Amino acid sequence: MERLNEQDKEQAVQLCKEVDHEWGIFHDMLVESIASLLTFISTQFGEREVGNALKVMTVKVWKVPFEKINSRDRKSVVLALAATWRAHSTGGVGPDAGSFSVSEDDEKFTFQLHPCGSGQRLWKRGYYEHPQKFGKTKAAHDWSFQRKDFPYYCAHCTYMNEILPIEWSGAPIYPLDPPKEFSQPCTWYYYKNPENTPARFYERYGYDKEEMLQKYQEKS
């Protein structure tokens, strides 16, 4: 800000680039740490405990923010999600830098991550091969989008975006289609009216959409 006030735009731009690189290093270290920890849990305690750990972690760190987000005006949430993905993409710096695009139709906003700034970059950077060898599911689970060979790190999106928000509010918050191949984009949706969320995002977990919406309305 000091450089901008002094009209030194060239130096201001340079400082912004340096901050992006500094944040990128910290961001990637945290992502890699979580992937490593989930791999350790699987190795030492079995894959079932990876799912349990993801659920406990999400309840502890996400429920309060989720409730605040879900009570906000829907338009402001879209802007906040875009800001989140800008941060998660670390300013577009680093190897296989994160990026995203947004489109809108009558029902929803669609965020395409190409690639996602965290889990998909781990894949593209070879972190599921040697020497890191981060873990992937050995069987299909609810918490891995019913997929085998799905990265433990990416599986947190099931609890964060869909399973627990459905249980807490009757609807997913950011339902998504993870890529079948990690060269493809990961696609998130944000519905202008949560009741318009397609039933398929409930059925993948054995939930009935109308039952879950009704249950939440009765609680309210």
Protein backbone atom coordinates (compact mmCIF):
# COMPACT_ATOMS: atom_id res chain seq x y z
CA MET A 1 0.00 0.00 0.00
CA GLU A 2 2.88 2.34 0.77
CA ARG A 3 4.28 1.81 -2.74
CA LEU A 4 0.86 2.45 -4.30
CA ASN A 5 0.48 5.65 -2.31
CA GLU A 6 3.86 6.71 -3.62
CA GLN A 7 2.68 5.87 -7.17
CA ASP A 8 5.46 3.29 -7.43
CA LYS A 9 3.32 0.77 -9.32
CA GLU A 10 6.22 -1.29 -10.62
CA GLN A 11 7.51 -1.97 -7.12
CA ALA A 12 3.95 -2.61 -5.86
CA VAL A 13 3.43 -5.27 -8.54
CA GLN A 14 6.76 -6.89 -7.66
CA LEU A 15 5.86 -7.03 -3.96
CA CYS A 16 2.49 -8.63 -4.80
CA LYS A 17 4.25 -11.32 -6.82
CA GLU A 18 6.62 -12.01 -3.94
CA VAL A 19 3.69 -12.38 -1.53
CA ASP A 20 2.03 -14.87 -3.90
CA HIS A 21 5.18 -17.02 -3.90
CA GLU A 22 5.52 -16.79 -0.11
CA TRP A 23 1.88 -17.78 0.40
CA GLY A 24 2.24 -20.55 -2.21
CA ILE A 25 5.07 -22.22 -0.30
CA PHE A 26 3.09 -22.13 2.97
CA HIS A 27 -0.13 -23.29 1.27
CA ASP A 28 1.55 -26.28 -0.41
CA MET A 29 3.30 -27.30 2.80
CA LEU A 30 -0.05 -27.43 4.64
CA VAL A 31 -1.74 -29.42 1.85
CA GLU A 32 1.15 -31.89 1.69
CA SER A 33 1.10 -32.24 5.49
CA ILE A 34 -2.59 -33.20 5.49
CA ALA A 35 -2.09 -35.71 2.66
CA SER A 36 0.87 -37.20 4.51
CA LEU A 37 -1.05 -37.46 7.79
CA LEU A 38 -4.01 -39.21 6.13
CA THR A 39 -1.61 -41.65 4.50
CA PHE A 40 -0.06 -42.39 7.91
CA ILE A 41 -3.50 -43.00 9.44
CA SER A 42 -4.30 -45.52 6.71
CA THR A 43 -0.98 -47.31 7.10
CA GLN A 44 -1.07 -47.50 10.89
CA PHE A 45 -4.79 -47.86 11.67
CA GLY A 46 -6.53 -48.92 8.45
CA GLU A 47 -8.44 -47.13 5.75
CA ARG A 48 -11.68 -46.95 7.71
CA GLU A 49 -10.00 -44.59 10.15
CA VAL A 50 -9.14 -42.21 7.31
CA GLY A 51 -12.88 -41.71 6.77
CA ASN A 52 -13.44 -41.27 10.51
CA ALA A 53 -10.60 -38.75 10.72
CA LEU A 54 -11.97 -36.75 7.79
CA LYS A 55 -15.42 -36.62 9.39
CA VAL A 56 -14.14 -35.55 12.81
CA MET A 57 -11.86 -32.93 11.25
CA THR A 58 -14.70 -31.49 9.17
CA VAL A 59 -17.09 -31.28 12.11
CA LYS A 60 -14.49 -29.52 14.25
CA VAL A 61 -13.24 -26.98 11.71
CA TRP A 62 -16.15 -26.52 9.30
CA LYS A 63 -19.49 -26.57 11.13
CA VAL A 64 -19.31 -23.05 12.56
CA PRO A 65 -18.00 -21.44 9.33
CA PHE A 66 -20.58 -23.42 7.36
CA GLU A 67 -23.43 -22.11 9.50
CA LYS A 68 -22.22 -18.54 9.03
CA ILE A 69 -21.85 -19.01 5.28
CA ASN A 70 -25.22 -20.69 4.93
CA SER A 71 -26.97 -17.81 6.68
CA ARG A 72 -25.56 -15.20 4.29
CA ASP A 73 -27.09 -13.75 1.15
CA ARG A 74 -26.50 -16.22 -1.68
CA LYS A 75 -24.83 -13.65 -3.94
CA SER A 76 -22.29 -12.74 -1.27
CA VAL A 77 -21.39 -16.43 -0.90
CA VAL A 78 -20.56 -16.67 -4.61
CA LEU A 79 -18.20 -13.71 -4.28
CA ALA A 80 -16.64 -15.26 -1.16
CA LEU A 81 -16.18 -18.62 -2.92
CA ALA A 82 -14.43 -16.88 -5.81
CA ALA A 83 -12.14 -15.16 -3.28
CA THR A 84 -11.47 -18.53 -1.65
CA TRP A 85 -10.44 -20.05 -4.96
CA ARG A 86 -8.20 -17.11 -5.75
CA ALA A 87 -6.41 -17.77 -2.46
CA HIS A 88 -6.41 -21.54 -3.03
CA SER A 89 -4.83 -20.99 -6.44
CA THR A 90 -1.95 -19.11 -4.73
CA GLY A 91 -2.07 -16.29 -7.22
CA GLY A 92 -1.36 -18.65 -10.12
CA VAL A 93 2.25 -19.22 -9.08
CA GLY A 94 4.25 -22.38 -8.52
CA PRO A 95 4.40 -25.68 -10.44
CA ASP A 96 1.12 -26.64 -12.15
CA ALA A 97 -0.41 -23.46 -10.74
CA GLY A 98 -4.07 -23.51 -9.70
CA SER A 99 -6.68 -21.64 -11.72
CA PHE A 100 -10.44 -21.55 -12.12
CA SER A 101 -13.29 -20.15 -14.20
CA VAL A 102 -16.88 -19.27 -13.28
CA SER A 103 -20.05 -19.43 -15.36
CA GLU A 104 -23.68 -18.72 -14.52
CA ASP A 105 -27.04 -20.01 -15.70
CA ASP A 106 -30.59 -19.57 -14.39
CA GLU A 107 -30.16 -22.13 -11.60
CA LYS A 108 -26.56 -22.04 -10.51
CA PHE A 109 -22.97 -20.87 -10.65
CA THR A 110 -20.42 -23.37 -11.93
CA PHE A 111 -16.79 -23.22 -10.82
CA GLN A 112 -14.35 -25.20 -12.94
CA LEU A 113 -10.96 -25.76 -11.34
CA HIS A 114 -8.22 -26.42 -13.84
CA PRO A 115 -6.47 -27.53 -11.81
CA CYS A 116 -7.69 -27.35 -8.22
CA GLY A 117 -5.02 -25.46 -6.30
CA SER A 118 -4.56 -28.25 -3.73
CA GLY A 119 -5.54 -31.89 -4.32
CA GLN A 120 -5.39 -31.89 -8.10
CA ARG A 121 -1.99 -30.23 -8.04
CA LEU A 122 -0.68 -32.99 -5.76
CA TRP A 123 -1.70 -35.45 -8.46
CA LYS A 124 -0.27 -33.46 -11.35
CA ARG A 125 3.01 -32.96 -9.46
CA GLY A 126 3.45 -36.71 -8.96
CA TYR A 127 2.91 -36.82 -5.20
CA TYR A 128 0.97 -40.09 -5.44
CA GLU A 129 4.05 -41.79 -6.84
CA HIS A 130 7.47 -42.26 -5.21
CA PRO A 131 9.02 -40.83 -3.12
CA GLN A 132 6.03 -39.21 -1.36
CA LYS A 133 3.57 -41.95 -2.30
CA PHE A 134 0.55 -40.24 -0.74
CA GLY A 135 -2.42 -42.55 -0.14
CA LYS A 136 -5.42 -43.42 -2.27
CA THR A 137 -8.44 -45.53 -1.36
CA LYS A 138 -8.09 -49.28 -1.66
CA ALA A 139 -11.88 -49.65 -1.89
CA ALA A 140 -14.87 -47.46 -2.76
CA HIS A 141 -16.46 -45.55 0.14
CA ASP A 142 -19.20 -42.98 0.65
CA TRP A 143 -16.48 -40.56 1.66
CA SER A 144 -14.50 -41.15 -1.57
CA PHE A 145 -17.38 -40.48 -3.98
CA GLN A 146 -17.82 -44.26 -4.20
CA ARG A 147 -14.45 -44.51 -5.95
CA LYS A 148 -11.46 -46.77 -5.51
CA ASP A 149 -7.98 -45.28 -6.07
CA PHE A 150 -9.29 -41.88 -4.99
CA PRO A 151 -6.82 -39.60 -3.16
CA TYR A 152 -7.35 -39.42 0.60
CA TYR A 153 -6.72 -35.69 0.52
CA CYS A 154 -9.47 -35.01 -2.07
CA ALA A 155 -11.95 -37.13 -0.11
CA HIS A 156 -12.46 -34.35 2.46
CA CYS A 157 -14.73 -32.64 -0.11
CA THR A 158 -17.40 -35.32 0.45
CA TYR A 159 -17.87 -34.34 4.10
CA MET A 160 -17.20 -30.63 3.66
CA ASN A 161 -19.36 -29.97 0.59
CA GLU A 162 -22.03 -32.64 0.63
CA ILE A 163 -22.48 -35.23 3.40
CA LEU A 164 -22.37 -33.01 6.49
CA PRO A 165 -24.07 -29.96 4.91
CA ILE A 166 -26.93 -32.29 3.88
CA GLU A 167 -27.19 -33.51 7.48
CA TRP A 168 -26.90 -30.00 8.92
CA SER A 169 -29.08 -28.04 6.50
CA GLY A 170 -30.94 -30.46 4.22
CA ALA A 171 -28.83 -29.59 1.15
CA PRO A 172 -25.20 -29.72 -0.02
CA ILE A 173 -23.41 -26.38 0.00
CA TYR A 174 -21.03 -26.84 -2.96
CA PRO A 175 -21.96 -30.13 -4.68
CA LEU A 176 -19.31 -31.24 -7.10
CA ASP A 177 -18.21 -33.59 -9.83
CA PRO A 178 -14.64 -34.72 -9.21
CA PRO A 179 -12.73 -35.46 -12.41
CA LYS A 180 -12.56 -39.01 -13.69
CA GLU A 181 -9.06 -38.24 -14.91
CA PHE A 182 -6.95 -35.65 -13.12
CA SER A 183 -6.16 -33.94 -16.40
CA GLN A 184 -9.83 -32.87 -16.40
CA PRO A 185 -11.25 -30.00 -14.32
CA CYS A 186 -12.87 -30.53 -10.94
CA THR A 187 -16.33 -28.93 -11.13
CA TRP A 188 -18.18 -27.29 -8.22
CA TYR A 189 -21.73 -25.93 -8.26
CA TYR A 190 -23.50 -23.34 -6.16
CA TYR A 191 -27.28 -23.35 -6.57
CA LYS A 192 -29.15 -20.08 -6.24
CA ASN A 193 -31.92 -22.00 -4.48
CA PRO A 194 -30.50 -24.98 -2.57
CA GLU A 195 -33.75 -26.87 -3.08
CA ASN A 196 -32.91 -27.04 -6.80
CA THR A 197 -29.82 -29.15 -6.11
CA PRO A 198 -30.22 -32.35 -8.19
CA ALA A 199 -31.14 -35.52 -6.32
CA ARG A 200 -28.01 -37.28 -7.60
CA PHE A 201 -25.91 -35.38 -5.06
CA TYR A 202 -28.00 -37.00 -2.31
CA GLU A 203 -28.32 -40.45 -3.84
CA ARG A 204 -24.56 -41.04 -3.98
CA TYR A 205 -24.74 -41.27 -0.16
CA GLY A 206 -28.03 -43.14 0.07
CA TYR A 207 -30.00 -40.02 1.08
CA ASP A 208 -33.47 -39.20 -0.18
CA LYS A 209 -33.54 -35.53 -1.18
CA GLU A 210 -37.13 -34.82 -0.13
CA GLU A 211 -36.67 -36.61 3.20
CA MET A 212 -33.54 -34.62 4.06
CA LEU A 213 -35.13 -31.29 3.13
CA GLN A 214 -38.23 -32.16 5.14
CA LYS A 215 -36.16 -33.21 8.15
CA TYR A 216 -34.31 -29.87 8.14
CA GLN A 217 -37.53 -27.88 7.76
CA GLU A 218 -38.99 -29.71 10.76
CA LYS A 219 -35.92 -28.86 12.84
CA SER A 220 -36.20 -25.21 11.81
